[in-house]
């Protein structure tokens, strides 16, 4: 699925990690690179490289955290929001295709299995913040 996603990223300046960072920042609105690394369970060096490229490409804005002057908070710029919006049609269509391909029971089973594996790996890595997205949406 990662290869399929990466192959279908339309914006020439974005790779799959960049897209995922934009997506997480769209959900969380603002956070640090260190928090992105923990939330996404991605190596800090990889996050740093992607964040640097996204900042250079003007996809992200950065500001100093008023509570901690050493901490930099990242958020989407207008260009980042536009780039993310440009990628959404593919990912929405793919999700609809998967929902058509799988029965409701198969889709629920797949989601439950991925969530279970995600929770296990998050605990294994000592990153409990990296809980499955489906659980983050529960009230």
N, C-alpha and C. Protein backbone atom coordinates (compact mmCIF):
# COMPACT_ATOMS: atom_id res chain seq x y z
N UNK A 1 0.83 -1.19 0.00
CA UNK A 1 0.00 0.00 0.00
C UNK A 1 0.87 1.25 0.00
N UNK A 2 2.01 1.19 0.72
CA UNK A 2 2.91 2.34 0.71
C UNK A 2 3.42 2.63 -0.69
N UNK A 3 3.81 1.58 -1.42
CA UNK A 3 4.31 1.78 -2.79
C UNK A 3 3.23 2.39 -3.67
N UNK A 4 2.00 1.92 -3.53
CA UNK A 4 0.89 2.45 -4.31
C UNK A 4 0.66 3.92 -3.97
N UNK A 5 0.72 4.24 -2.68
CA UNK A 5 0.54 5.63 -2.25
C UNK A 5 1.65 6.51 -2.79
N UNK A 6 2.90 6.06 -2.61
CA UNK A 6 4.05 6.86 -3.05
C UNK A 6 4.02 7.11 -4.55
N UNK A 7 3.62 6.10 -5.28
CA UNK A 7 3.57 6.20 -6.74
C UNK A 7 2.51 7.20 -7.21
N UNK A 8 1.51 7.43 -6.38
CA UNK A 8 0.39 8.28 -6.77
C UNK A 8 0.41 9.67 -6.15
N UNK A 9 1.46 10.02 -5.42
CA UNK A 9 1.61 11.39 -4.92
C UNK A 9 1.81 12.27 -6.15
N UNK A 10 0.96 13.26 -6.31
CA UNK A 10 0.98 14.08 -7.52
C UNK A 10 1.95 15.25 -7.46
N UNK A 11 2.10 15.85 -6.31
CA UNK A 11 2.94 17.06 -6.22
C UNK A 11 4.41 16.65 -6.39
N UNK A 12 5.12 17.28 -7.31
CA UNK A 12 6.50 16.87 -7.59
C UNK A 12 7.48 17.10 -6.44
N UNK A 13 7.15 17.97 -5.49
CA UNK A 13 8.05 18.24 -4.38
C UNK A 13 7.77 17.37 -3.15
N UNK A 14 6.75 16.51 -3.21
CA UNK A 14 6.36 15.73 -2.04
C UNK A 14 6.67 14.25 -2.22
N UNK A 15 7.07 13.62 -1.10
CA UNK A 15 7.15 12.17 -1.07
C UNK A 15 6.12 11.69 -0.05
N UNK A 16 6.05 10.39 0.18
CA UNK A 16 5.01 9.85 1.05
C UNK A 16 5.16 10.34 2.49
N UNK A 17 6.39 10.42 3.00
CA UNK A 17 6.59 10.94 4.36
C UNK A 17 6.13 12.38 4.45
N UNK A 18 6.46 13.19 3.45
CA UNK A 18 6.02 14.58 3.43
C UNK A 18 4.50 14.66 3.47
N UNK A 19 3.84 13.87 2.63
CA UNK A 19 2.37 13.86 2.60
C UNK A 19 1.82 13.51 3.98
N UNK A 20 2.40 12.50 4.60
CA UNK A 20 1.91 12.08 5.92
C UNK A 20 2.11 13.18 6.97
N UNK A 21 3.23 13.88 6.89
CA UNK A 21 3.46 14.99 7.82
C UNK A 21 2.40 16.07 7.62
N UNK A 22 2.12 16.41 6.37
CA UNK A 22 1.09 17.40 6.09
C UNK A 22 -0.26 16.94 6.64
N UNK A 23 -0.56 15.66 6.46
CA UNK A 23 -1.82 15.11 6.94
C UNK A 23 -1.92 15.17 8.46
N UNK A 24 -0.85 14.81 9.15
CA UNK A 24 -0.86 14.85 10.62
C UNK A 24 -0.97 16.29 11.11
N UNK A 25 -0.26 17.21 10.48
CA UNK A 25 -0.37 18.61 10.88
C UNK A 25 -1.77 19.17 10.60
N UNK A 26 -2.40 18.68 9.56
CA UNK A 26 -3.77 19.10 9.29
C UNK A 26 -4.69 18.63 10.43
N UNK A 27 -4.43 17.45 10.95
CA UNK A 27 -5.24 16.91 12.06
C UNK A 27 -4.93 17.59 13.39
N UNK A 28 -3.64 17.80 13.67
CA UNK A 28 -3.23 18.34 14.97
C UNK A 28 -3.08 19.86 14.95
N UNK A 29 -3.08 20.46 13.78
CA UNK A 29 -2.97 21.91 13.56
C UNK A 29 -1.57 22.45 13.82
N UNK A 30 -0.95 22.07 14.92
CA UNK A 30 0.37 22.61 15.23
C UNK A 30 1.05 21.67 16.22
N UNK A 31 2.30 21.33 15.94
CA UNK A 31 3.08 20.51 16.86
C UNK A 31 4.56 20.62 16.49
N UNK A 32 5.41 20.06 17.30
CA UNK A 32 6.85 20.11 17.04
C UNK A 32 7.29 18.92 16.19
N UNK A 33 8.48 19.00 15.63
CA UNK A 33 9.03 17.89 14.86
C UNK A 33 9.23 16.67 15.77
N UNK A 34 9.66 16.90 17.00
CA UNK A 34 9.84 15.78 17.94
C UNK A 34 8.52 15.09 18.21
N UNK A 35 7.45 15.86 18.36
CA UNK A 35 6.13 15.27 18.58
C UNK A 35 5.66 14.53 17.33
N UNK A 36 5.94 15.08 16.15
CA UNK A 36 5.60 14.37 14.92
C UNK A 36 6.27 13.00 14.89
N UNK A 37 7.53 12.96 15.26
CA UNK A 37 8.27 11.71 15.28
C UNK A 37 7.61 10.69 16.20
N UNK A 38 7.20 11.14 17.38
CA UNK A 38 6.53 10.23 18.32
C UNK A 38 5.15 9.82 17.84
N UNK A 39 4.36 10.77 17.37
CA UNK A 39 3.00 10.48 16.92
C UNK A 39 3.01 9.53 15.73
N UNK A 40 3.92 9.77 14.80
CA UNK A 40 3.95 9.01 13.56
C UNK A 40 4.81 7.76 13.66
N UNK A 41 5.55 7.63 14.75
CA UNK A 41 6.49 6.52 14.96
C UNK A 41 7.44 6.43 13.76
N UNK A 42 8.06 7.56 13.48
CA UNK A 42 9.05 7.67 12.41
C UNK A 42 10.32 8.23 13.02
N UNK A 43 11.44 7.71 12.58
CA UNK A 43 12.75 8.13 13.04
C UNK A 43 12.89 9.65 13.00
N UNK A 44 13.47 10.21 14.07
CA UNK A 44 13.63 11.67 14.15
C UNK A 44 14.43 12.25 13.00
N UNK A 45 15.45 11.51 12.56
CA UNK A 45 16.27 12.01 11.44
C UNK A 45 15.44 12.12 10.17
N UNK A 46 14.59 11.12 9.92
CA UNK A 46 13.74 11.17 8.73
C UNK A 46 12.74 12.32 8.82
N UNK A 47 12.16 12.51 10.02
CA UNK A 47 11.24 13.63 10.22
C UNK A 47 11.98 14.95 10.00
N UNK A 48 13.17 15.07 10.56
CA UNK A 48 13.95 16.31 10.41
C UNK A 48 14.22 16.62 8.95
N UNK A 49 14.62 15.61 8.18
CA UNK A 49 14.90 15.83 6.75
C UNK A 49 13.64 16.28 6.02
N UNK A 50 12.53 15.60 6.29
CA UNK A 50 11.28 15.96 5.61
C UNK A 50 10.80 17.34 6.03
N UNK A 51 10.86 17.64 7.33
CA UNK A 51 10.44 18.96 7.81
C UNK A 51 11.30 20.05 7.19
N UNK A 52 12.61 19.82 7.12
CA UNK A 52 13.50 20.82 6.51
C UNK A 52 13.12 21.05 5.04
N UNK A 53 12.86 19.98 4.31
CA UNK A 53 12.47 20.12 2.90
C UNK A 53 11.11 20.81 2.78
N UNK A 54 10.18 20.46 3.65
CA UNK A 54 8.86 21.09 3.61
C UNK A 54 8.93 22.58 3.97
N UNK A 55 9.81 22.93 4.89
CA UNK A 55 9.98 24.35 5.24
C UNK A 55 10.64 25.08 4.08
N UNK A 56 11.67 24.49 3.49
CA UNK A 56 12.34 25.11 2.35
C UNK A 56 11.37 25.32 1.19
N UNK A 57 10.49 24.34 0.99
CA UNK A 57 9.49 24.43 -0.08
C UNK A 57 8.28 25.28 0.28
N UNK A 58 8.29 25.86 1.48
CA UNK A 58 7.22 26.75 1.97
C UNK A 58 5.89 26.02 2.20
N UNK A 59 5.94 24.71 2.48
CA UNK A 59 4.74 23.95 2.81
C UNK A 59 4.39 24.08 4.29
N UNK A 60 5.39 24.42 5.10
CA UNK A 60 5.21 24.55 6.54
C UNK A 60 5.65 25.92 7.03
N UNK A 61 5.02 26.35 8.10
CA UNK A 61 5.45 27.54 8.82
C UNK A 61 5.92 27.10 10.19
N UNK A 62 6.80 27.89 10.77
CA UNK A 62 7.36 27.55 12.07
C UNK A 62 7.30 28.78 12.97
N UNK A 63 7.01 28.54 14.24
CA UNK A 63 7.06 29.62 15.21
C UNK A 63 7.61 29.07 16.51
N UNK A 64 8.12 29.96 17.33
CA UNK A 64 8.64 29.57 18.63
C UNK A 64 7.48 29.33 19.59
N UNK A 65 7.57 28.24 20.33
CA UNK A 65 6.56 27.93 21.34
C UNK A 65 6.66 28.97 22.45
N UNK A 66 5.59 29.70 22.75
CA UNK A 66 5.66 30.73 23.78
C UNK A 66 5.95 30.16 25.18
N UNK A 67 5.67 28.87 25.38
CA UNK A 67 5.92 28.24 26.68
C UNK A 67 7.34 27.68 26.82
N UNK A 68 8.01 27.49 25.68
CA UNK A 68 9.37 26.95 25.67
C UNK A 68 10.10 27.53 24.47
N UNK A 69 10.92 28.51 24.72
CA UNK A 69 11.57 29.27 23.64
C UNK A 69 12.46 28.41 22.74
N UNK A 70 12.90 27.25 23.23
CA UNK A 70 13.76 26.38 22.41
C UNK A 70 12.95 25.48 21.48
N UNK A 71 11.68 25.36 21.73
CA UNK A 71 10.82 24.46 20.97
C UNK A 71 10.17 25.21 19.80
N UNK A 72 10.24 24.61 18.63
CA UNK A 72 9.64 25.20 17.43
C UNK A 72 8.36 24.44 17.08
N UNK A 73 7.30 25.17 16.85
CA UNK A 73 6.01 24.58 16.49
C UNK A 73 5.80 24.71 14.98
N UNK A 74 5.34 23.65 14.37
CA UNK A 74 5.11 23.60 12.93
C UNK A 74 3.62 23.60 12.64
N UNK A 75 3.27 24.23 11.54
CA UNK A 75 1.88 24.19 11.07
C UNK A 75 1.91 24.32 9.55
N UNK A 76 0.79 23.96 8.94
CA UNK A 76 0.69 24.06 7.49
C UNK A 76 0.65 25.52 7.05
N UNK A 77 1.34 25.81 5.97
CA UNK A 77 1.20 27.11 5.32
C UNK A 77 0.04 26.99 4.34
N UNK A 78 -0.30 28.08 3.69
CA UNK A 78 -1.34 28.03 2.65
C UNK A 78 -0.91 27.07 1.54
N UNK A 79 0.36 27.09 1.18
CA UNK A 79 0.86 26.18 0.14
C UNK A 79 0.74 24.72 0.60
N UNK A 80 1.03 24.46 1.88
CA UNK A 80 0.90 23.11 2.41
C UNK A 80 -0.54 22.63 2.40
N UNK A 81 -1.46 23.52 2.77
CA UNK A 81 -2.89 23.19 2.74
C UNK A 81 -3.34 22.90 1.32
N UNK A 82 -2.89 23.72 0.37
CA UNK A 82 -3.25 23.51 -1.04
C UNK A 82 -2.68 22.19 -1.56
N UNK A 83 -1.43 21.88 -1.20
CA UNK A 83 -0.81 20.64 -1.65
C UNK A 83 -1.56 19.44 -1.09
N UNK A 84 -1.91 19.50 0.18
CA UNK A 84 -2.66 18.42 0.81
C UNK A 84 -4.02 18.25 0.13
N UNK A 85 -4.69 19.36 -0.15
CA UNK A 85 -5.98 19.31 -0.85
C UNK A 85 -5.84 18.68 -2.23
N UNK A 86 -4.72 18.94 -2.88
CA UNK A 86 -4.48 18.37 -4.20
C UNK A 86 -4.28 16.87 -4.18
N UNK A 87 -3.82 16.34 -3.07
CA UNK A 87 -3.60 14.90 -2.94
C UNK A 87 -4.87 14.16 -2.50
N UNK A 88 -5.78 14.86 -1.86
CA UNK A 88 -6.97 14.23 -1.28
C UNK A 88 -7.84 13.47 -2.28
N UNK A 89 -8.06 13.98 -3.51
CA UNK A 89 -8.93 13.23 -4.42
C UNK A 89 -8.46 11.78 -4.65
N UNK A 90 -7.15 11.59 -4.82
CA UNK A 90 -6.65 10.23 -5.01
C UNK A 90 -6.92 9.37 -3.78
N UNK A 91 -6.57 9.89 -2.60
CA UNK A 91 -6.71 9.07 -1.39
C UNK A 91 -8.18 8.83 -1.04
N UNK A 92 -9.03 9.79 -1.30
CA UNK A 92 -10.47 9.59 -1.08
C UNK A 92 -11.03 8.54 -2.04
N UNK A 93 -10.62 8.63 -3.31
CA UNK A 93 -11.09 7.66 -4.31
C UNK A 93 -10.57 6.27 -3.98
N UNK A 94 -9.33 6.18 -3.53
CA UNK A 94 -8.78 4.88 -3.17
C UNK A 94 -9.51 4.28 -1.98
N UNK A 95 -9.82 5.12 -0.98
CA UNK A 95 -10.57 4.64 0.17
C UNK A 95 -11.95 4.13 -0.26
N UNK A 96 -12.62 4.85 -1.14
CA UNK A 96 -13.93 4.42 -1.64
C UNK A 96 -13.80 3.10 -2.40
N UNK A 97 -12.73 2.97 -3.17
CA UNK A 97 -12.48 1.73 -3.91
C UNK A 97 -12.30 0.56 -2.94
N UNK A 98 -11.54 0.76 -1.88
CA UNK A 98 -11.34 -0.29 -0.87
C UNK A 98 -12.67 -0.65 -0.21
N UNK A 99 -13.48 0.36 0.09
CA UNK A 99 -14.77 0.12 0.73
C UNK A 99 -15.72 -0.63 -0.20
N UNK A 100 -15.60 -0.39 -1.52
CA UNK A 100 -16.40 -1.14 -2.48
C UNK A 100 -15.87 -2.57 -2.64
N UNK A 101 -14.59 -2.73 -2.58
CA UNK A 101 -13.95 -4.02 -2.78
C UNK A 101 -14.19 -4.97 -1.60
N UNK A 102 -14.17 -4.44 -0.40
CA UNK A 102 -14.33 -5.25 0.81
C UNK A 102 -15.76 -5.17 1.34
N UNK A 103 -16.21 -6.26 1.89
CA UNK A 103 -17.53 -6.24 2.54
C UNK A 103 -17.40 -5.43 3.83
N UNK A 104 -18.52 -4.98 4.40
CA UNK A 104 -18.44 -4.25 5.67
C UNK A 104 -17.74 -5.05 6.76
N UNK A 105 -17.97 -6.37 6.81
CA UNK A 105 -17.31 -7.21 7.81
C UNK A 105 -15.80 -7.29 7.56
N UNK A 106 -15.41 -7.41 6.28
CA UNK A 106 -13.99 -7.47 5.95
C UNK A 106 -13.30 -6.15 6.29
N UNK A 107 -13.96 -5.05 5.97
CA UNK A 107 -13.39 -3.74 6.26
C UNK A 107 -13.25 -3.53 7.77
N UNK A 108 -14.28 -3.91 8.53
CA UNK A 108 -14.22 -3.79 9.99
C UNK A 108 -13.11 -4.68 10.55
N UNK A 109 -12.98 -5.89 10.01
CA UNK A 109 -11.93 -6.80 10.47
C UNK A 109 -10.54 -6.27 10.15
N UNK A 110 -10.38 -5.71 8.96
CA UNK A 110 -9.09 -5.14 8.57
C UNK A 110 -8.73 -3.96 9.47
N UNK A 111 -9.69 -3.08 9.70
CA UNK A 111 -9.46 -1.93 10.57
C UNK A 111 -9.10 -2.37 11.98
N UNK A 112 -9.83 -3.35 12.50
CA UNK A 112 -9.55 -3.85 13.86
C UNK A 112 -8.16 -4.48 13.92
N UNK A 113 -7.79 -5.25 12.90
CA UNK A 113 -6.47 -5.89 12.89
C UNK A 113 -5.35 -4.85 12.81
N UNK A 114 -5.51 -3.86 11.95
CA UNK A 114 -4.48 -2.81 11.83
C UNK A 114 -4.37 -2.03 13.14
N UNK A 115 -5.50 -1.71 13.75
CA UNK A 115 -5.49 -1.00 15.03
C UNK A 115 -4.78 -1.82 16.10
N UNK A 116 -5.06 -3.11 16.15
CA UNK A 116 -4.43 -3.98 17.15
C UNK A 116 -2.92 -4.03 16.95
N UNK A 117 -2.50 -4.19 15.70
CA UNK A 117 -1.06 -4.20 15.41
C UNK A 117 -0.42 -2.85 15.72
N UNK A 118 -1.12 -1.77 15.40
CA UNK A 118 -0.59 -0.43 15.68
C UNK A 118 -0.41 -0.20 17.17
N UNK A 119 -1.39 -0.61 17.97
CA UNK A 119 -1.28 -0.47 19.43
C UNK A 119 -0.10 -1.28 19.96
N UNK A 120 0.03 -2.51 19.46
CA UNK A 120 1.13 -3.37 19.89
C UNK A 120 2.48 -2.74 19.56
N UNK A 121 2.63 -2.29 18.33
CA UNK A 121 3.91 -1.70 17.91
C UNK A 121 4.19 -0.40 18.65
N UNK A 122 3.16 0.40 18.89
CA UNK A 122 3.36 1.65 19.64
C UNK A 122 3.87 1.34 21.05
N UNK A 123 3.29 0.35 21.69
CA UNK A 123 3.75 -0.05 23.03
C UNK A 123 5.17 -0.62 22.97
N UNK A 124 5.41 -1.45 21.97
CA UNK A 124 6.73 -2.06 21.79
C UNK A 124 7.81 -0.98 21.61
N UNK A 125 7.45 0.07 20.90
CA UNK A 125 8.40 1.17 20.66
C UNK A 125 8.39 2.20 21.78
N UNK A 126 7.53 2.01 22.77
CA UNK A 126 7.45 2.98 23.87
C UNK A 126 6.85 4.30 23.43
N UNK A 127 5.95 4.26 22.46
CA UNK A 127 5.33 5.46 21.91
C UNK A 127 3.81 5.36 22.04
N UNK A 128 3.27 5.42 23.25
CA UNK A 128 1.81 5.24 23.41
C UNK A 128 0.99 6.34 22.75
N UNK A 129 1.60 7.49 22.40
CA UNK A 129 0.86 8.55 21.71
C UNK A 129 0.48 8.13 20.30
N UNK A 130 1.16 7.14 19.78
CA UNK A 130 0.94 6.72 18.39
C UNK A 130 -0.22 5.73 18.31
N UNK A 131 -1.31 6.07 18.92
CA UNK A 131 -2.47 5.18 18.89
C UNK A 131 -3.14 5.26 17.52
N UNK A 132 -3.84 4.22 17.15
CA UNK A 132 -4.49 4.21 15.81
C UNK A 132 -5.43 5.40 15.63
N UNK A 133 -5.48 5.89 14.42
CA UNK A 133 -6.31 7.05 14.09
C UNK A 133 -7.78 6.78 14.42
N UNK A 134 -8.23 5.56 14.21
CA UNK A 134 -9.64 5.25 14.48
C UNK A 134 -9.96 5.42 15.97
N UNK A 135 -8.99 5.17 16.83
CA UNK A 135 -9.21 5.35 18.27
C UNK A 135 -9.12 6.81 18.67
N UNK A 136 -8.37 7.60 17.95
CA UNK A 136 -8.25 9.03 18.26
C UNK A 136 -9.56 9.75 17.99
N UNK A 137 -10.39 9.18 17.12
CA UNK A 137 -11.64 9.83 16.75
C UNK A 137 -12.79 9.47 17.68
N UNK A 138 -12.56 8.50 18.60
CA UNK A 138 -13.63 8.13 19.51
C UNK A 138 -13.85 9.23 20.53
N UNK A 139 -15.13 9.45 20.95
CA UNK A 139 -15.40 10.50 21.94
C UNK A 139 -14.80 10.18 23.29
